[in-house]
Protein backbone atom coordinates (compact mmCIF):
# COMPACT_ATOMS: atom_id res chain seq x y z
CA MET A 1 -7.35 2.82 17.95
CA LYS A 2 -8.00 -0.85 18.35
CA LYS A 3 -5.35 -2.74 20.32
CA TYR A 4 -3.68 -5.75 18.76
CA THR A 5 -1.30 -8.22 20.34
CA ASP A 6 2.03 -8.93 18.64
CA GLU A 7 0.73 -12.43 17.96
CA GLN A 8 -2.29 -11.04 16.11
CA LEU A 9 -0.15 -8.62 14.08
CA LYS A 10 2.18 -11.41 12.99
CA SER A 11 -0.73 -13.50 11.74
CA PHE A 12 -2.37 -10.77 9.65
CA SER A 13 -2.81 -11.32 5.92
CA VAL A 14 -1.88 -8.56 3.48
CA GLN A 15 -5.54 -7.59 3.17
CA GLU A 16 -5.86 -7.35 6.95
CA TRP A 17 -2.75 -5.16 7.06
CA VAL A 18 -4.17 -2.83 4.43
CA GLU A 19 -7.35 -2.43 6.47
CA VAL A 20 -5.44 -1.88 9.72
CA LEU A 21 -2.98 0.61 8.20
CA GLN A 22 -5.79 2.60 6.59
CA LYS A 23 -7.13 3.29 10.07
CA SER A 24 -4.00 2.99 12.22
CA PRO A 25 -0.94 4.08 10.23
CA GLU A 26 1.12 4.23 13.40
CA LEU A 27 1.33 0.42 13.28
CA ALA A 28 3.40 0.48 10.07
CA ASP A 29 6.62 -0.55 11.80
CA LYS A 30 4.93 -3.76 12.94
CA CYS A 31 4.01 -4.81 9.38
CA THR A 32 6.22 -7.53 7.91
CA LYS A 33 4.21 -8.00 4.70
CA TRP A 34 5.24 -4.93 2.63
CA GLU A 35 6.92 -7.04 -0.05
CA ASP A 36 3.76 -9.13 -0.43
CA PHE A 37 1.51 -6.15 -1.23
CA ARG A 38 0.04 -6.31 -4.74
CA GLY A 39 -0.91 -3.31 -6.86
CA ASN A 40 -4.48 -3.27 -5.59
CA ASP A 41 -3.25 -3.38 -1.98
CA TRP A 42 -0.96 -0.40 -2.56
CA GLU A 43 -3.72 1.48 -4.36
CA ALA A 44 -6.15 0.93 -1.48
CA LEU A 45 -3.60 1.99 1.12
CA LEU A 46 -2.05 4.96 -0.69
CA SER A 47 -5.45 6.39 -1.60
CA LEU A 48 -6.05 7.01 2.10
CA GLN A 49 -2.52 7.07 3.53
CA PRO A 50 -0.15 8.63 0.96
CA GLN A 51 2.68 8.81 3.48
CA PHE A 52 3.36 5.15 2.74
CA ALA A 53 4.79 6.02 -0.68
CA ASP A 54 8.30 5.57 0.75
CA ARG A 55 7.43 1.99 1.72
CA CYS A 56 6.11 1.39 -1.80
CA ASP A 57 9.41 2.76 -3.18
CA LYS A 58 11.48 0.44 -0.99
CA VAL A 59 9.81 -2.72 -2.30
CA ASN A 60 9.25 -1.50 -5.89
CA GLY A 61 5.50 -1.64 -5.30
CA TRP A 62 4.82 0.84 -8.12
CA ALA A 63 5.78 -1.83 -10.64
CA LYS A 64 2.89 -3.98 -9.41
CA PHE A 65 0.22 -1.46 -10.41
CA SER A 66 -2.07 -2.25 -13.33
CA SER A 67 -3.49 0.54 -15.49
CA ASP A 68 -6.82 0.17 -13.66
CA GLU A 69 -5.13 0.59 -10.29
CA TRP A 70 -3.39 3.76 -11.53
CA GLU A 71 -6.76 5.08 -12.72
CA GLU A 72 -8.15 4.49 -9.23
CA LEU A 73 -5.23 6.08 -7.36
CA ILE A 74 -4.41 9.20 -9.38
CA PRO A 75 -7.72 11.05 -8.81
CA TYR A 76 -7.19 10.75 -5.05
CA GLN A 77 -3.43 11.23 -5.01
CA PRO A 78 -2.36 13.08 -8.18
CA GLN A 79 1.16 13.60 -6.79
CA PHE A 80 1.87 9.97 -7.71
CA ALA A 81 1.25 10.44 -11.44
CA ASP A 82 5.00 10.68 -12.09
CA LYS A 83 5.46 7.23 -10.55
CA GLN A 84 3.28 5.78 -13.30
CA THR A 85 5.71 6.78 -16.03
CA ASN A 86 8.54 5.02 -14.20
CA THR A 87 6.92 1.59 -14.18
CA GLU A 88 6.02 -1.05 -16.69
CA GLU A 89 2.34 -1.74 -17.00
CA ASN A 90 1.20 -5.13 -15.79
CA PRO A 91 -1.53 -6.86 -17.81
């Protein structure tokens, strides 16, 4: 695992957080950007780290998914298919 200073972690963009959390999920408690994740960010993260579904729930991240993002996620994580029926599709 790569080491990051607290200063570095605070300055990360959402995209940087997605990349870090894909490889180092143990850093999740340091992330302050959960509410800023877009549908594509959630899709990229949950495809590899499905344990973050609870974080997605907490910030209503499922509602940010487009139909394309659902199509990308479900083949990798079919257990989330029921979440799709509970959200409104974004154009």
